[in-house]
Amino acid sequence: ITQILTGLFLAMHYTSDISTAFSSVVHICRDVNYGWLIRNMHANGASFFFICIYMHIARGLYYGSYLYKETWNIGVVLLLLVMMTAFVGYVLPWGQMSFWGATVITNLLSAVPYVGDMLVQWIWGGFSVDNATLTRFFAFHFLLPFIIAAVTILHLLFLHETGSNNPAGLNSDADKITFHPYFSYKDLLGFVVMLLALTSLALFSPNL
C-alpha cells in the first residue's frame, strides 16, 4: 500500500525521457514539498518489502508450505513479478548505475538460443538502451504493482482454500479464532510499526 501510494505521488512529477529523467528526480528531491521524504520512503520501502518477502519464504520453507503446490507456485510467480518491478524501478532515475544495470541485465537475454539478440532488441525498442527502453520500463513499473496486487489476492484465495501450515504438521482447526478483531488489529499494528520504521529511516538517514 505504501509503495503504491508513494509511487503515485512520484509519478506525478517524474518524466520518462532520457534527457530529463535524472533532472526530474532531482526536482522531486529539491523542489517538491516533502518530495525527498516520499522518494526515500519509496526506495527504502522496496528494500523493506524484499526483507519481508525473504522472511516469508524462509517461513514457508521451514513450515513445509511448498507441499501446497498451487499456493507455492503462485508465490514463486509473485516473487518473480516483484523482482521485475524492482529492476525496472531501479532504471528509472537514469543515473550511470541505472543505465549500466539495464544494459547488463537485459543483455543476459542474448544467451537465449536463436532468438536472444532479437529478444534483447525488442525489449530495448532499438539497438541499445535508449529513450524507448526508459518509457516502456516506466510503463511496466507503473502497471506491474497492480498485477502483483491481483496475484496476491489469488495467492490468499488458495491459502484460504488449503489453510496455513505449521512446523508441527498437525491440524490446528480446534483453536481457530475470528479474523476481526484479533488479526485485523494485529495487521494494523504491524502496518503502523513498519510505516514508523520506514519514516524514521527516511528522516534520520536521508542519504542512505
C-alpha atoms as a PDB file:
ATOM      1  CA  ILE A   1       0.000   0.000   0.000  1.00  0.00           C
ATOM      2  CA  THR A   2       2.797   2.409   0.992  1.00  0.00           C
ATOM      3  CA  GLN A   3       4.753   1.600  -2.182  1.00  0.00           C
ATOM      4  CA  ILE A   4       1.744   2.210  -4.441  1.00  0.00           C
ATOM      5  CA  LEU A   5       0.811   5.499  -2.718  1.00  0.00           C
ATOM      6  CA  THR A   6       4.351   6.940  -2.687  1.00  0.00           C
ATOM      7  CA  GLY A   7       4.820   5.693  -6.264  1.00  0.00           C
ATOM      8  CA  LEU A   8       1.694   7.521  -7.448  1.00  0.00           C
ATOM      9  CA  PHE A   9       2.935  10.790  -5.913  1.00  0.00           C
ATOM     10  CA  LEU A  10       6.362  10.313  -7.533  1.00  0.00           C
ATOM     11  CA  ALA A  11       4.754   9.541 -10.917  1.00  0.00           C
ATOM     12  CA  MET A  12       3.048  12.968 -10.803  1.00  0.00           C
ATOM     13  CA  HIS A  13       6.451  14.679 -11.097  1.00  0.00           C
ATOM     14  CA  TYR A  14       8.614  12.111 -12.930  1.00  0.00           C
ATOM     15  CA  THR A  15       9.289  12.336 -16.674  1.00  0.00           C
ATOM     16  CA  SER A  16      10.292   9.190 -18.570  1.00  0.00           C
ATOM     17  CA  ASP A  17      12.639  10.856 -21.030  1.00  0.00           C
ATOM     18  CA  ILE A  18      16.408  10.227 -21.058  1.00  0.00           C
ATOM     19  CA  SER A  19      17.196  13.966 -21.234  1.00  0.00           C
ATOM     20  CA  THR A  20      15.007  14.941 -18.253  1.00  0.00           C
ATOM     21  CA  ALA A  21      14.551  11.769 -16.122  1.00  0.00           C
ATOM     22  CA  PHE A  22      17.516  12.414 -13.808  1.00  0.00           C
ATOM     23  CA  SER A  23      16.625  16.128 -13.545  1.00  0.00           C
ATOM     24  CA  SER A  24      13.032  15.247 -12.639  1.00  0.00           C
ATOM     25  CA  VAL A  25      14.258  13.039  -9.747  1.00  0.00           C
ATOM     26  CA  VAL A  26      16.485  15.932  -8.554  1.00  0.00           C
ATOM     27  CA  HIS A  27      13.455  18.245  -8.893  1.00  0.00           C
ATOM     28  CA  ILE A  28      11.356  15.851  -6.763  1.00  0.00           C
ATOM     29  CA  CYS A  29      14.027  15.787  -4.038  1.00  0.00           C
ATOM     30  CA  ARG A  30      14.807  19.532  -4.013  1.00  0.00           C
ATOM     31  CA  ASP A  31      11.733  21.457  -5.158  1.00  0.00           C
ATOM     32  CA  VAL A  32       8.625  19.346  -4.464  1.00  0.00           C
ATOM     33  CA  ASN A  33       7.234  19.687  -0.927  1.00  0.00           C
ATOM     34  CA  TYR A  34       8.389  16.618   1.036  1.00  0.00           C
ATOM     35  CA  GLY A  35       9.473  15.055  -2.260  1.00  0.00           C
ATOM     36  CA  TRP A  36      12.728  13.859  -0.692  1.00  0.00           C
ATOM     37  CA  LEU A  37      10.725  12.078   2.027  1.00  0.00           C
ATOM     38  CA  ILE A  38       8.368  10.403  -0.457  1.00  0.00           C
ATOM     39  CA  ARG A  39      11.269   9.298  -2.671  1.00  0.00           C
ATOM     40  CA  ASN A  40      13.272   7.918   0.276  1.00  0.00           C
ATOM     41  CA  MET A  41      10.227   6.083   1.629  1.00  0.00           C
ATOM     42  CA  HIS A  42       9.612   4.577  -1.820  1.00  0.00           C
ATOM     43  CA  ALA A  43      13.248   3.488  -2.292  1.00  0.00           C
ATOM     44  CA  ASN A  44      13.724   2.149   1.254  1.00  0.00           C
ATOM     45  CA  GLY A  45      10.228   0.645   1.189  1.00  0.00           C
ATOM     46  CA  ALA A  46      11.331  -1.590  -1.698  1.00  0.00           C
ATOM     47  CA  SER A  47      14.229  -2.887   0.429  1.00  0.00           C
ATOM     48  CA  PHE A  48      11.887  -3.455   3.404  1.00  0.00           C
ATOM     49  CA  PHE A  49       9.479  -5.259   1.076  1.00  0.00           C
ATOM     50  CA  PHE A  50      12.198  -7.679  -0.045  1.00  0.00           C
ATOM     51  CA  ILE A  51      13.265  -8.303   3.578  1.00  0.00           C
ATOM     52  CA  CYS A  52       9.646  -9.238   4.383  1.00  0.00           C
ATOM     53  CA  ILE A  53       9.409 -11.439   1.266  1.00  0.00           C
ATOM     54  CA  TYR A  54      12.600 -13.363   2.103  1.00  0.00           C
ATOM     55  CA  MET A  55      11.404 -13.838   5.699  1.00  0.00           C
ATOM     56  CA  HIS A  56       8.085 -15.123   4.314  1.00  0.00           C
ATOM     57  CA  ILE A  57       9.923 -17.566   2.000  1.00  0.00           C
ATOM     58  CA  ALA A  58      12.098 -18.782   4.911  1.00  0.00           C
ATOM     59  CA  ARG A  59       8.948 -19.346   6.981  1.00  0.00           C
ATOM     60  CA  GLY A  60       7.347 -21.224   4.065  1.00  0.00           C
ATOM     61  CA  LEU A  61      10.382 -23.497   3.711  1.00  0.00           C
ATOM     62  CA  TYR A  62      10.520 -24.163   7.465  1.00  0.00           C
ATOM     63  CA  TYR A  63       6.783 -24.892   7.675  1.00  0.00           C
ATOM     64  CA  GLY A  64       6.816 -27.090   4.552  1.00  0.00           C
ATOM     65  CA  SER A  65       4.376 -24.817   2.707  1.00  0.00           C
ATOM     66  CA  TYR A  66       5.844 -25.985  -0.633  1.00  0.00           C
ATOM     67  CA  LEU A  67       3.671 -29.092  -0.230  1.00  0.00           C
ATOM     68  CA  TYR A  68       0.671 -26.913  -1.135  1.00  0.00           C
ATOM     69  CA  LYS A  69       1.769 -26.621  -4.762  1.00  0.00           C
ATOM     70  CA  GLU A  70      -0.811 -24.116  -6.071  1.00  0.00           C
ATOM     71  CA  THR A  71      -0.192 -21.610  -3.274  1.00  0.00           C
ATOM     72  CA  TRP A  72       3.588 -22.102  -3.505  1.00  0.00           C
ATOM     73  CA  ASN A  73       3.699 -21.744  -7.319  1.00  0.00           C
ATOM     74  CA  ILE A  74       1.663 -18.534  -7.218  1.00  0.00           C
ATOM     75  CA  GLY A  75       4.089 -17.317  -4.533  1.00  0.00           C
ATOM     76  CA  VAL A  76       7.023 -18.015  -6.896  1.00  0.00           C
ATOM     77  CA  VAL A  77       5.238 -16.070  -9.670  1.00  0.00           C
ATOM     78  CA  LEU A  78       4.719 -13.210  -7.194  1.00  0.00           C
ATOM     79  CA  LEU A  79       8.431 -13.200  -6.295  1.00  0.00           C
ATOM     80  CA  LEU A  80       9.422 -13.003  -9.977  1.00  0.00           C
ATOM     81  CA  LEU A  81       6.927 -10.169 -10.599  1.00  0.00           C
ATOM     82  CA  VAL A  82       8.228  -8.207  -7.584  1.00  0.00           C
ATOM     83  CA  MET A  83      11.844  -8.697  -8.734  1.00  0.00           C
ATOM     84  CA  MET A  84      10.890  -7.499 -12.214  1.00  0.00           C
ATOM     85  CA  THR A  85       9.129  -4.441 -10.769  1.00  0.00           C
ATOM     86  CA  ALA A  86      12.151  -3.597  -8.596  1.00  0.00           C
ATOM     87  CA  PHE A  87      14.525  -3.950 -11.562  1.00  0.00           C
ATOM     88  CA  VAL A  88      12.570  -1.643 -13.900  1.00  0.00           C
ATOM     89  CA  GLY A  89      12.160   0.815 -10.999  1.00  0.00           C
ATOM     90  CA  TYR A  90      15.936   0.792 -10.452  1.00  0.00           C
ATOM     91  CA  VAL A  91      16.414   2.006 -14.038  1.00  0.00           C
ATOM     92  CA  LEU A  92      14.033   4.988 -13.767  1.00  0.00           C
ATOM     93  CA  PRO A  93      16.347   7.589 -12.083  1.00  0.00           C
ATOM     94  CA  TRP A  94      18.587   7.206 -15.182  1.00  0.00           C
ATOM     95  CA  GLY A  95      21.946   7.577 -13.458  1.00  0.00           C
ATOM     96  CA  GLN A  96      25.047   5.630 -14.516  1.00  0.00           C
ATOM     97  CA  MET A  97      24.036   2.677 -12.303  1.00  0.00           C
ATOM     98  CA  SER A  98      20.576   2.691 -13.890  1.00  0.00           C
ATOM     99  CA  PHE A  99      21.891   2.713 -17.459  1.00  0.00           C
ATOM    100  CA  TRP A 100      24.534   0.022 -16.993  1.00  0.00           C
ATOM    101  CA  GLY A 101      22.230  -2.053 -14.787  1.00  0.00           C
ATOM    102  CA  ALA A 102      19.634  -2.052 -17.573  1.00  0.00           C
ATOM    103  CA  THR A 103      22.286  -2.828 -20.199  1.00  0.00           C
ATOM    104  CA  VAL A 104      23.860  -5.740 -18.300  1.00  0.00           C
ATOM    105  CA  ILE A 105      20.624  -7.391 -17.104  1.00  0.00           C
ATOM    106  CA  THR A 106      18.781  -7.118 -20.424  1.00  0.00           C
ATOM    107  CA  ASN A 107      21.875  -8.428 -22.253  1.00  0.00           C
ATOM    108  CA  LEU A 108      21.546 -11.661 -20.262  1.00  0.00           C
ATOM    109  CA  LEU A 109      18.620 -12.497 -22.552  1.00  0.00           C
ATOM    110  CA  SER A 110      21.029 -12.619 -25.504  1.00  0.00           C
ATOM    111  CA  ALA A 111      22.132 -16.017 -24.129  1.00  0.00           C
ATOM    112  CA  VAL A 112      18.760 -17.469 -25.211  1.00  0.00           C
ATOM    113  CA  PRO A 113      19.489 -19.637 -28.288  1.00  0.00           C
ATOM    114  CA  TYR A 114      18.399 -18.394 -31.756  1.00  0.00           C
ATOM    115  CA  VAL A 115      16.079 -15.582 -30.579  1.00  0.00           C
ATOM    116  CA  GLY A 116      18.278 -13.988 -27.864  1.00  0.00           C
ATOM    117  CA  ASP A 117      19.510 -10.933 -29.824  1.00  0.00           C
ATOM    118  CA  MET A 118      16.072 -10.282 -31.300  1.00  0.00           C
ATOM    119  CA  LEU A 119      14.521 -10.536 -27.813  1.00  0.00           C
ATOM    120  CA  VAL A 120      17.006  -8.016 -26.358  1.00  0.00           C
ATOM    121  CA  GLN A 121      16.391  -5.527 -29.184  1.00  0.00           C
ATOM    122  CA  TRP A 122      12.644  -5.987 -28.783  1.00  0.00           C
ATOM    123  CA  ILE A 123      12.885  -5.102 -25.063  1.00  0.00           C
ATOM    124  CA  TRP A 124      15.205  -2.161 -25.778  1.00  0.00           C
ATOM    125  CA  GLY A 125      12.971  -0.834 -28.559  1.00  0.00           C
ATOM    126  CA  GLY A 126      16.126  -0.259 -30.641  1.00  0.00           C
ATOM    127  CA  PHE A 127      19.777  -1.261 -30.846  1.00  0.00           C
ATOM    128  CA  SER A 128      20.752  -0.011 -27.372  1.00  0.00           C
ATOM    129  CA  VAL A 129      19.217   1.067 -24.055  1.00  0.00           C
ATOM    130  CA  ASP A 130      17.604   4.350 -25.069  1.00  0.00           C
ATOM    131  CA  ASN A 131      14.527   6.553 -24.709  1.00  0.00           C
ATOM    132  CA  ALA A 132      12.117   3.798 -25.813  1.00  0.00           C
ATOM    133  CA  THR A 133      13.574   1.482 -23.140  1.00  0.00           C
ATOM    134  CA  LEU A 134      13.072   4.042 -20.368  1.00  0.00           C
ATOM    135  CA  THR A 135       9.497   4.813 -21.478  1.00  0.00           C
ATOM    136  CA  ARG A 136       8.431   1.151 -21.512  1.00  0.00           C
ATOM    137  CA  PHE A 137      10.255   0.447 -18.224  1.00  0.00           C
ATOM    138  CA  PHE A 138       8.270   3.278 -16.613  1.00  0.00           C
ATOM    139  CA  ALA A 139       5.044   1.822 -18.041  1.00  0.00           C
ATOM    140  CA  PHE A 140       5.956  -1.632 -16.668  1.00  0.00           C
ATOM    141  CA  HIS A 141       6.892  -0.166 -13.279  1.00  0.00           C
ATOM    142  CA  PHE A 142       3.502   1.556 -13.081  1.00  0.00           C
ATOM    143  CA  LEU A 143       1.473  -1.438 -14.290  1.00  0.00           C
ATOM    144  CA  LEU A 144       3.159  -4.382 -12.514  1.00  0.00           C
ATOM    145  CA  PRO A 145       2.255  -3.405  -8.891  1.00  0.00           C
ATOM    146  CA  PHE A 146      -1.454  -3.619  -9.769  1.00  0.00           C
ATOM    147  CA  ILE A 147      -0.893  -7.045 -11.364  1.00  0.00           C
ATOM    148  CA  ILE A 148       1.014  -8.037  -8.196  1.00  0.00           C
ATOM    149  CA  ALA A 149      -1.956  -6.901  -6.068  1.00  0.00           C
ATOM    150  CA  ALA A 150      -4.310  -9.081  -8.161  1.00  0.00           C
ATOM    151  CA  VAL A 151      -1.979 -12.121  -7.965  1.00  0.00           C
ATOM    152  CA  THR A 152      -1.643 -11.554  -4.184  1.00  0.00           C
ATOM    153  CA  ILE A 153      -5.436 -11.857  -3.848  1.00  0.00           C
ATOM    154  CA  LEU A 154      -5.208 -15.119  -5.844  1.00  0.00           C
ATOM    155  CA  HIS A 155      -2.398 -16.285  -3.523  1.00  0.00           C
ATOM    156  CA  LEU A 156      -4.605 -15.558  -0.489  1.00  0.00           C
ATOM    157  CA  LEU A 157      -7.590 -17.348  -2.061  1.00  0.00           C
ATOM    158  CA  PHE A 158      -5.525 -20.521  -2.496  1.00  0.00           C
ATOM    159  CA  LEU A 159      -4.174 -20.106   1.043  1.00  0.00           C
ATOM    160  CA  HIS A 160      -7.746 -19.777   2.326  1.00  0.00           C
ATOM    161  CA  GLU A 161      -8.614 -22.990   0.469  1.00  0.00           C
ATOM    162  CA  THR A 162      -5.732 -25.054   1.888  1.00  0.00           C
ATOM    163  CA  GLY A 163      -5.257 -23.324   5.252  1.00  0.00           C
ATOM    164  CA  SER A 164      -1.962 -22.196   6.787  1.00  0.00           C
ATOM    165  CA  ASN A 165       0.720 -24.700   7.680  1.00  0.00           C
ATOM    166  CA  ASN A 166       2.642 -25.086  10.945  1.00  0.00           C
ATOM    167  CA  PRO A 167       6.023 -26.656  11.796  1.00  0.00           C
ATOM    168  CA  ALA A 168       4.395 -29.482  13.792  1.00  0.00           C
ATOM    169  CA  GLY A 169       2.428 -30.570  10.706  1.00  0.00           C
ATOM    170  CA  LEU A 170      -0.707 -31.011  12.820  1.00  0.00           C
ATOM    171  CA  ASN A 171      -4.245 -29.901  12.066  1.00  0.00           C
ATOM    172  CA  SER A 172      -4.948 -26.693  14.004  1.00  0.00           C
ATOM    173  CA  ASP A 173      -8.703 -26.471  13.329  1.00  0.00           C
ATOM    174  CA  ALA A 174      -9.530 -26.879  17.024  1.00  0.00           C
ATOM    175  CA  ASP A 175      -8.252 -23.482  18.185  1.00  0.00           C
ATOM    176  CA  LYS A 176      -9.447 -21.159  15.426  1.00  0.00           C
ATOM    177  CA  ILE A 177     -10.322 -17.526  16.215  1.00  0.00           C
ATOM    178  CA  THR A 178     -12.197 -14.884  14.217  1.00  0.00           C
ATOM    179  CA  PHE A 179     -10.244 -12.630  11.849  1.00  0.00           C
ATOM    180  CA  HIS A 180     -11.782  -9.469  13.349  1.00  0.00           C
ATOM    181  CA  PRO A 181     -10.827  -8.051  15.784  1.00  0.00           C
ATOM    182  CA  TYR A 182      -7.816 -10.296  16.516  1.00  0.00           C
ATOM    183  CA  PHE A 183      -5.952 -10.450  13.200  1.00  0.00           C
ATOM    184  CA  SER A 184      -7.238  -7.156  11.779  1.00  0.00           C
ATOM    185  CA  TYR A 185      -5.784  -5.254  14.768  1.00  0.00           C
ATOM    186  CA  LYS A 186      -2.589  -7.303  14.591  1.00  0.00           C
ATOM    187  CA  ASP A 187      -2.179  -6.466  10.881  1.00  0.00           C
ATOM    188  CA  LEU A 188      -2.937  -2.792  11.540  1.00  0.00           C
ATOM    189  CA  LEU A 189      -0.319  -2.683  14.304  1.00  0.00           C
ATOM    190  CA  GLY A 190       2.228  -4.367  12.015  1.00  0.00           C
ATOM    191  CA  PHE A 191       1.490  -1.815   9.274  1.00  0.00           C
ATOM    192  CA  VAL A 192       1.920   1.127  11.688  1.00  0.00           C
ATOM    193  CA  VAL A 193       5.208  -0.281  13.070  1.00  0.00           C
ATOM    194  CA  MET A 194       6.596  -0.795   9.540  1.00  0.00           C
ATOM    195  CA  LEU A 195       5.460   2.696   8.478  1.00  0.00           C
ATOM    196  CA  LEU A 196       7.147   4.234  11.535  1.00  0.00           C
ATOM    197  CA  ALA A 197      10.370   2.311  10.828  1.00  0.00           C
ATOM    198  CA  LEU A 198      10.293   3.424   7.188  1.00  0.00           C
ATOM    199  CA  THR A 199       9.589   7.077   8.063  1.00  0.00           C
ATOM    200  CA  SER A 200      12.300   7.082  10.760  1.00  0.00           C
ATOM    201  CA  LEU A 201      14.823   5.694   8.270  1.00  0.00           C
ATOM    202  CA  ALA A 202      13.906   8.373   5.716  1.00  0.00           C
ATOM    203  CA  LEU A 203      14.050  11.168   8.332  1.00  0.00           C
ATOM    204  CA  PHE A 204      17.212  10.195  10.217  1.00  0.00           C
ATOM    205  CA  SER A 205      19.219   8.656   7.327  1.00  0.00           C
ATOM    206  CA  PRO A 206      18.036  10.569   4.241  1.00  0.00           C
ATOM    207  CA  ASN A 207      21.238   9.844   2.279  1.00  0.00           C
ATOM    208  CA  LEU A 208      21.138   6.081   2.797  1.00  0.00           C
END
